[in-house]
Structure formats: structure tokens, C-alpha cells
């Protein structure tokens, strides 16, 4: 409307000058001239302010549109959904399988991994034995990827030591190679029970490539196989049964026993270790865990040694809850 008014004033002057040169209108007096000039100046200033304001508004609107377009062209990444893959092969043998539980919102930079290794005297057992542990860990460690592995079992004539050790190593190498695909980090934790505890400790202490294990959780795993053979916990821990899975006795193949004993690979840089042991274990002598704890202490390795005095080779109820509480705290403190 202001612009129209300015145009009208311009037209007035055009009519005025046209009329003057054609003798149509009388020349206004000075007072009228001053009034007309003042009105024109006010209207021109007002119009300029309007133009400036309009330009600023156009700039603001353009900026908002640009930002909006950028957001449309670069939308926020969608949260990665949880994923479960069962019986994934990490080798050519039918026993070389793993179950993979990937959490939602995982990233290759931050998502930690806990690998479960079942027990069973290296000759029995299955990843299905860890079903309860998987459910518990999902609730307690929701940001972790959980991977539950099987390995080839010794039969007395095949799959003798170090087959199980090699399978664990192969499985970890496979998982490591899939970090980008699974969107997981290289922060690996091992957790095993009994024979699985032994395999967890052995790998964590013996190997540092392709990834150095960040922490290991050992439920009553054998640590010194020579001592286990020579000093069985009870009649339930027959030296003959150990020789059947190793494929030899300490007398016939001492090197294999030594190379299969986690305690022989403890060094100052060994990963933080949580040891959980029953005080009256009749399968794996409590001395196996105690001796390991002493050696870890000697080398200055971060560790925690927990004994449940009345528990045997495994436990449930309040003590198992306590074990998981200690696992939570230990991993929170040492896996970063």
C-alpha cells in the first residue's frame, strides 16, 4: 500500500508539472510546496525501511529453507535394530557354529563383545547350555553384543587337544573379521565355565592377535593341566579322562600339557581376570584357581578372585546372582 501511495505521489507530480507546462493548474505557493516535499520525503523513507525489512525477511526465510533442505538431504541415521543370527558357521565342521545376539543402536566404535564358551570336559556340552546366561547377560549388559560358540568335542580318537583351543582362536578371528558387518568394536571379553573357562583363559593369555582380549571371566576353569592330572580333585576327576581328551599323559607329551595350561602364559600384560570358584569343587580342584590368582598377583595383573566356600562345580540362586553382580562391576571397571 505504501508503494502504491508513493506511485500516486509521483503521479501527482507528473500531473502537476504536465498541467503547469500546459497552463492547466496554478503554481502552488511555497507553503504547499514544503508540505508536498515533506510528505514525499516521509513516504520515501518509510518505503526504504519497508524494502530493507522485506530483504531481511527474505534472507531469513531463505536460510530456513536451506537448513530445511539440508536436513531433508541429510536425514538423521536410523537406529540400528537388534539382530539375532543362530548357528552361524565359522568353519567347515558342523560343530563350528555360533549364535550371535547384536544389540540395538550398536556401532563399530563403541559396542563391546562378550564371547561365551561352554564347558563339558572338552568332550561334551553345547552352547545351548548357556541359554540362561544369554538371557541374563542381555538384561545386565544390554549394550554388549553376545556371541555363544560351539567347538569340536574330543571323542577319544578324534578332535584331541589342541583342537578346542584352535577352534576358539578360529571363532575369535571370524568374529573380528566381521566387525564392520556386525557393527561391533574390537573390545572382546571371554567368559567360560569349567572347560570353557580353561579355553577362555588359555586364549586370553596365549594370543594377542588379531585382537587382544580386554578381560576374561573364568568360572572354575582348569589352569594347570599337569597338576590336574597329577592331583585330581576327586575320583570324579579321573586322570584317564583328561588323558583321553589330550591324547597323552604328562609323561608321554609334557609339552602339550604345558602348552595347554593357561598358567604358563601369564605375563604382566595379561588381561584383567575375574575368577569365580566353588570352595568344595570335586571336578576342578579349588587349588587350580588359587594358584592362578597367586601368579596373577605376582605379575601385577588386574584380577579378582572370588570363592564361594560351600559351592561345588557350579551354583545357582543367590550366589549366581552375586557372581553376575561381580561380572557387571568388573567389566564396567576394566573394559572401556
Protein backbone atom coordinates (compact mmCIF):
# COMPACT_ATOMS: atom_id res chain seq x y z
CA UNK A 1 0.00 0.00 0.00
CA UNK A 2 2.92 2.33 0.80
CA UNK A 3 4.44 1.60 -2.59
CA UNK A 4 1.10 2.42 -4.26
CA UNK A 5 0.95 5.64 -2.28
CA UNK A 6 4.45 6.58 -3.45
CA UNK A 7 3.40 5.88 -7.02
CA UNK A 8 0.34 8.07 -6.51
CA UNK A 9 2.55 10.98 -5.29
CA UNK A 10 4.78 10.51 -8.32
CA UNK A 11 1.70 10.68 -10.49
CA UNK A 12 0.61 13.84 -8.68
CA UNK A 13 3.90 15.50 -9.53
CA UNK A 14 3.67 14.29 -13.11
CA UNK A 15 0.17 15.72 -13.39
CA UNK A 16 1.33 18.90 -11.64
CA UNK A 17 4.24 19.53 -14.00
CA UNK A 18 2.24 18.48 -17.04
CA UNK A 19 -0.55 20.82 -16.04
CA UNK A 20 1.86 23.66 -15.28
CA UNK A 21 3.57 23.48 -18.64
CA UNK A 22 0.17 23.30 -20.29
CA UNK A 23 -1.34 26.05 -18.18
CA UNK A 24 -3.87 23.77 -16.54
CA UNK A 25 -3.07 24.32 -12.84
CA UNK A 26 -1.98 27.29 -10.85
CA UNK A 27 1.51 27.13 -9.37
CA UNK A 28 1.19 26.24 -5.68
CA UNK A 29 2.60 28.61 -3.10
CA UNK A 30 5.77 27.87 -1.08
CA UNK A 31 3.86 26.54 1.89
CA UNK A 32 2.13 23.93 -0.27
CA UNK A 33 5.46 23.05 -1.88
CA UNK A 34 7.02 22.44 1.51
CA UNK A 35 4.09 20.26 2.57
CA UNK A 36 4.28 18.19 -0.58
CA UNK A 37 8.04 17.78 -0.27
CA UNK A 38 7.78 16.76 3.38
CA UNK A 39 5.13 14.19 2.63
CA UNK A 40 7.19 12.76 -0.20
CA UNK A 41 10.32 12.51 1.98
CA UNK A 42 8.41 10.75 4.75
CA UNK A 43 6.89 8.32 2.33
CA UNK A 44 10.23 7.64 0.63
CA UNK A 45 11.95 6.95 3.99
CA UNK A 46 9.09 4.71 5.04
CA UNK A 47 9.29 2.87 1.75
CA UNK A 48 13.06 2.33 2.12
CA UNK A 49 12.57 0.90 5.60
CA UNK A 50 9.95 -1.41 4.20
CA UNK A 51 12.32 -2.56 1.46
CA UNK A 52 15.09 -3.23 3.99
CA UNK A 53 12.71 -5.16 6.23
CA UNK A 54 11.47 -7.14 3.27
CA UNK A 55 15.04 -8.03 2.28
CA UNK A 56 15.88 -9.20 5.81
CA UNK A 57 12.75 -11.32 5.86
CA UNK A 58 13.69 -12.85 2.51
CA UNK A 59 17.18 -13.67 3.83
CA UNK A 60 15.72 -15.24 6.99
CA UNK A 61 13.19 -17.31 5.03
CA UNK A 62 15.89 -18.42 2.58
CA UNK A 63 18.14 -19.50 5.44
CA UNK A 64 15.37 -21.53 6.99
CA UNK A 65 14.61 -23.15 3.67
CA UNK A 66 18.28 -24.02 3.14
CA UNK A 67 18.53 -25.59 6.59
CA UNK A 68 15.32 -27.49 5.99
CA UNK A 69 16.58 -28.76 2.64
CA UNK A 70 19.87 -29.81 4.19
CA UNK A 71 18.00 -31.79 6.83
CA UNK A 72 15.94 -33.46 4.13
CA UNK A 73 19.03 -34.26 2.09
CA UNK A 74 20.97 -35.42 5.17
CA UNK A 75 18.43 -37.15 7.42
CA UNK A 76 19.49 -38.41 10.86
CA UNK A 77 20.67 -42.04 10.65
CA UNK A 78 18.13 -44.59 11.76
CA UNK A 79 18.87 -46.52 14.95
CA UNK A 80 20.25 -49.94 14.08
CA UNK A 81 17.79 -52.64 15.14
CA UNK A 82 18.66 -55.61 17.33
CA UNK A 83 19.53 -58.74 15.40
CA UNK A 84 19.88 -62.44 16.22
CA UNK A 85 21.65 -64.94 13.96
CA UNK A 86 21.71 -68.56 15.10
CA UNK A 87 24.07 -71.35 14.09
CA UNK A 88 26.40 -69.23 12.00
CA UNK A 89 29.33 -71.23 10.70
CA UNK A 90 32.84 -70.05 11.47
CA UNK A 91 34.49 -73.14 9.99
CA UNK A 92 33.80 -76.14 7.78
CA UNK A 93 32.95 -78.62 10.54
CA UNK A 94 29.32 -78.97 11.61
CA UNK A 95 30.33 -78.26 15.21
CA UNK A 96 31.92 -74.93 14.37
CA UNK A 97 28.82 -72.83 14.91
CA UNK A 98 27.94 -69.73 16.89
CA UNK A 99 24.84 -67.82 17.93
CA UNK A 100 25.09 -64.05 17.56
CA UNK A 101 22.97 -61.57 19.54
CA UNK A 102 23.52 -57.99 18.40
CA UNK A 103 22.02 -55.14 20.46
CA UNK A 104 20.04 -52.21 19.06
CA UNK A 105 21.88 -48.94 18.45
CA UNK A 106 25.23 -50.70 18.12
CA UNK A 107 28.25 -49.07 16.50
CA UNK A 108 31.65 -50.29 15.37
CA UNK A 109 33.24 -47.69 17.63
CA UNK A 110 31.54 -48.47 20.91
CA UNK A 111 29.74 -51.83 21.03
CA UNK A 112 31.63 -54.32 23.21
CA UNK A 113 31.51 -58.06 22.65
CA UNK A 114 31.27 -60.90 25.17
CA UNK A 115 32.02 -64.38 23.84
CA UNK A 116 30.66 -67.37 25.75
CA UNK A 117 32.49 -70.72 25.80
CA UNK A 118 30.61 -73.67 27.30
CA UNK A 119 32.03 -76.41 29.49
CA UNK A 120 31.72 -80.19 29.45
CA UNK A 121 35.20 -81.63 29.92
CA UNK A 122 36.16 -80.73 26.32
CA UNK A 123 34.18 -83.82 25.23
CA UNK A 124 30.54 -82.84 25.83
CA UNK A 125 28.34 -79.79 26.30
CA UNK A 126 26.78 -77.34 23.89
CA UNK A 127 26.22 -73.62 23.51
CA UNK A 128 22.58 -74.31 24.40
CA UNK A 129 23.80 -74.87 27.97
CA UNK A 130 24.29 -71.11 28.15
CA UNK A 131 20.69 -70.20 27.34
CA UNK A 132 20.10 -68.87 30.85
CA UNK A 133 23.36 -66.92 30.76
CA UNK A 134 22.44 -65.32 27.42
CA UNK A 135 19.10 -64.09 28.79
CA UNK A 136 20.76 -62.77 31.93
CA UNK A 137 23.53 -61.01 30.05
CA UNK A 138 21.06 -59.38 27.66
CA UNK A 139 19.38 -57.75 30.63
CA UNK A 140 22.52 -56.91 32.56
CA UNK A 141 24.73 -55.85 29.65
CA UNK A 142 22.22 -54.52 27.10
CA UNK A 143 24.86 -52.60 25.15
CA UNK A 144 27.03 -55.69 24.59
CA UNK A 145 26.96 -58.00 21.60
CA UNK A 146 26.75 -61.58 22.91
CA UNK A 147 28.27 -64.43 20.92
CA UNK A 148 27.82 -68.01 22.10
CA UNK A 149 30.10 -70.55 20.41
CA UNK A 150 30.34 -74.29 19.93
CA UNK A 151 33.59 -76.08 19.21
CA UNK A 152 34.63 -79.57 18.16
CA UNK A 153 34.47 -82.07 21.01
CA UNK A 154 37.06 -84.70 21.76
CA UNK A 155 35.85 -88.25 21.21
CA UNK A 156 38.85 -90.24 22.43
CA UNK A 157 40.01 -90.93 18.90
CA UNK A 158 39.47 -87.58 17.18
CA UNK A 159 39.37 -83.87 17.96
CA UNK A 160 42.04 -84.23 20.63
CA UNK A 161 43.97 -81.27 22.04
CA UNK A 162 44.66 -78.67 20.75
CA UNK A 163 41.51 -78.86 18.56
CA UNK A 164 39.35 -76.96 21.06
CA UNK A 165 41.98 -74.27 21.55
CA UNK A 166 42.28 -73.86 17.79
CA UNK A 167 38.51 -73.64 17.34
CA UNK A 168 38.25 -70.85 19.89
CA UNK A 169 41.02 -68.99 18.09
CA UNK A 170 39.31 -69.51 14.72
CA UNK A 171 35.97 -68.32 16.10
CA UNK A 172 37.51 -65.15 17.52
CA UNK A 173 39.30 -64.45 14.24
CA UNK A 174 35.98 -64.89 12.41
CA UNK A 175 34.17 -62.50 14.74
CA UNK A 176 36.98 -59.98 14.46
CA UNK A 177 36.77 -60.11 10.65
CA UNK A 178 33.04 -59.32 10.83
CA UNK A 179 33.34 -56.18 12.95
CA UNK A 180 32.16 -53.82 10.22
CA UNK A 181 29.30 -56.06 9.11
CA UNK A 182 28.10 -56.63 12.69
CA UNK A 183 28.81 -53.02 13.78
CA UNK A 184 30.81 -54.13 16.81
CA UNK A 185 34.08 -52.89 18.29
CA UNK A 186 37.31 -54.76 18.96
CA UNK A 187 36.67 -54.78 22.71
CA UNK A 188 36.29 -58.53 23.25
CA UNK A 189 35.59 -60.23 26.57
CA UNK A 190 35.72 -64.01 27.08
CA UNK A 191 33.52 -65.86 29.57
CA UNK A 192 33.68 -69.61 30.12
CA UNK A 193 32.68 -72.29 32.60
CA UNK A 194 34.83 -75.32 33.51
CA UNK A 195 36.46 -76.49 30.25
CA UNK A 196 35.14 -73.28 28.71
CA UNK A 197 36.82 -71.33 31.49
CA UNK A 198 40.07 -73.11 30.67
CA UNK A 199 39.72 -72.27 26.96
CA UNK A 200 38.86 -68.65 27.77
CA UNK A 201 41.93 -68.22 29.98
CA UNK A 202 44.19 -70.05 27.53
CA UNK A 203 43.23 -67.86 24.59
CA UNK A 204 43.25 -64.63 26.61
CA UNK A 205 46.78 -65.26 27.91
CA UNK A 206 48.31 -67.02 24.92
CA UNK A 207 47.15 -64.92 21.96
CA UNK A 208 47.14 -61.20 21.29
CA UNK A 209 46.39 -61.24 17.56
CA UNK A 210 44.26 -60.37 15.69
CA UNK A 211 42.83 -58.78 18.84
CA UNK A 212 43.98 -58.58 22.43
CA UNK A 213 41.23 -59.73 24.79
CA UNK A 214 40.16 -56.92 27.12
CA UNK A 215 39.01 -59.11 30.03
CA UNK A 216 38.30 -62.73 30.87
CA UNK A 217 35.72 -64.23 33.23
CA UNK A 218 36.57 -67.72 34.47
CA UNK A 219 34.06 -69.95 36.23
CA UNK A 220 36.13 -72.76 37.87
CA UNK A 221 38.29 -73.49 34.82
CA UNK A 222 41.39 -75.72 34.98
CA UNK A 223 44.58 -73.66 34.81
CA UNK A 224 47.43 -76.19 35.15
CA UNK A 225 46.80 -79.47 33.34
CA UNK A 226 49.93 -81.18 34.62
CA UNK A 227 48.81 -80.53 38.20
CA UNK A 228 45.24 -81.51 37.33
CA UNK A 229 46.48 -84.86 36.05
CA UNK A 230 48.79 -85.48 39.00
CA UNK A 231 46.46 -84.15 41.72
CA UNK A 232 42.82 -84.79 40.74
CA UNK A 233 40.13 -83.06 42.78
CA UNK A 234 38.35 -86.35 43.45
CA UNK A 235 37.56 -89.70 41.90
CA UNK A 236 35.19 -87.79 39.64
CA UNK A 237 38.17 -86.07 38.01
CA UNK A 238 39.92 -89.11 36.60
CA UNK A 239 43.39 -88.53 35.13
CA UNK A 240 42.45 -91.08 32.48
CA UNK A 241 39.57 -88.85 31.34
CA UNK A 242 41.96 -85.91 30.98
CA UNK A 243 44.46 -88.07 29.06
CA UNK A 244 41.63 -89.17 26.75
CA UNK A 245 40.94 -85.63 25.56
CA UNK A 246 44.56 -84.51 25.49
CA UNK A 247 45.62 -87.67 23.70
CA UNK A 248 48.58 -88.24 26.01
CA UNK A 249 49.76 -88.15 29.59
CA UNK A 250 52.24 -85.65 31.01
CA UNK A 251 54.84 -88.39 30.80
CA UNK A 252 54.28 -89.06 27.09
CA UNK A 253 53.72 -85.47 25.98
CA UNK A 254 54.65 -82.94 28.64
CA UNK A 255 54.95 -80.14 26.10
CA UNK A 256 51.32 -80.47 25.03
CA UNK A 257 50.16 -80.32 28.65
CA UNK A 258 52.29 -77.26 29.29
CA UNK A 259 51.19 -75.55 26.08
CA UNK A 260 47.57 -76.22 27.02
CA UNK A 261 47.87 -74.74 30.54
CA UNK A 262 46.82 -71.08 30.91
CA UNK A 263 49.01 -70.55 33.95
CA UNK A 264 52.12 -70.90 31.81
CA UNK A 265 51.20 -67.88 29.69
CA UNK A 266 50.57 -65.31 32.42
CA UNK A 267 52.62 -62.15 31.86
CA UNK A 268 52.41 -58.61 33.17
CA UNK A 269 50.26 -57.57 30.20
CA UNK A 270 47.70 -60.37 30.59
CA UNK A 271 44.12 -59.07 30.53
CA UNK A 272 42.11 -58.34 33.67
CA UNK A 273 40.78 -61.63 35.05
CA UNK A 274 37.78 -62.45 37.20
CA UNK A 275 37.98 -65.92 38.81
CA UNK A 276 34.85 -67.49 40.30
CA UNK A 277 35.41 -70.74 42.19
CA UNK A 278 33.42 -73.12 44.38
CA UNK A 279 35.20 -73.98 47.62
CA UNK A 280 34.26 -77.69 47.56
CA UNK A 281 34.59 -78.34 43.82
CA UNK A 282 35.04 -82.07 43.21
CA UNK A 283 35.79 -81.75 39.48
CA UNK A 284 38.29 -78.90 39.30
CA UNK A 285 40.27 -78.50 42.50
CA UNK A 286 39.97 -75.03 44.06
CA UNK A 287 43.77 -75.03 44.13
CA UNK A 288 43.71 -74.55 40.34
CA UNK A 289 42.08 -71.13 40.75
CA UNK A 290 44.10 -70.25 43.83
CA UNK A 291 47.40 -70.94 42.06
CA UNK A 292 46.34 -68.80 39.10
CA UNK A 293 45.33 -65.95 41.39
CA UNK A 294 48.76 -66.11 43.06
CA UNK A 295 50.55 -65.94 39.73
CA UNK A 296 48.40 -63.03 38.55
CA UNK A 297 49.25 -61.24 41.76
CA UNK A 298 52.97 -61.91 41.24
CA UNK A 299 52.88 -60.38 37.76
CA UNK A 300 50.75 -57.43 38.81
CA UNK A 301 47.82 -58.40 36.59
CA UNK A 302 44.48 -56.85 37.47
CA UNK A 303 42.31 -59.64 38.84
CA UNK A 304 39.62 -60.57 41.32
CA UNK A 305 39.43 -63.98 42.94
CA UNK A 306 36.05 -64.92 44.40
CA UNK A 307 35.48 -68.15 46.34
CA UNK A 308 32.05 -69.44 47.33
CA UNK A 309 33.07 -71.71 50.23
CA UNK A 310 30.09 -74.08 50.18
CA UNK A 311 29.66 -74.31 46.41
CA UNK A 312 30.69 -77.22 44.21
CA UNK A 313 31.25 -77.32 40.45
CA UNK A 314 28.59 -74.72 39.62
CA UNK A 315 25.87 -72.98 41.59
CA UNK A 316 22.57 -71.15 41.32
CA UNK A 317 20.35 -68.89 43.39
CA UNK A 318 21.77 -66.02 45.42
CA UNK A 319 25.38 -66.93 44.75
CA UNK A 320 24.87 -66.98 40.99
CA UNK A 321 23.19 -63.57 41.24
CA UNK A 322 26.20 -62.40 43.21
CA UNK A 323 28.51 -63.78 40.51
CA UNK A 324 26.73 -61.78 37.84
CA UNK A 325 26.82 -58.68 40.04
CA UNK A 326 30.58 -59.11 40.25
CA UNK A 327 30.81 -59.65 36.49
CA UNK A 328 28.89 -56.42 35.89
CA UNK A 329 31.14 -54.43 38.20
CA UNK A 330 34.36 -55.99 36.91
CA UNK A 331 33.60 -55.35 33.25
CA UNK A 332 32.39 -51.81 33.98
CA UNK A 333 35.68 -51.09 35.72
CA UNK A 334 38.08 -52.72 33.28
CA UNK A 335 36.57 -52.77 29.78
CA UNK A 336 36.48 -49.25 28.40
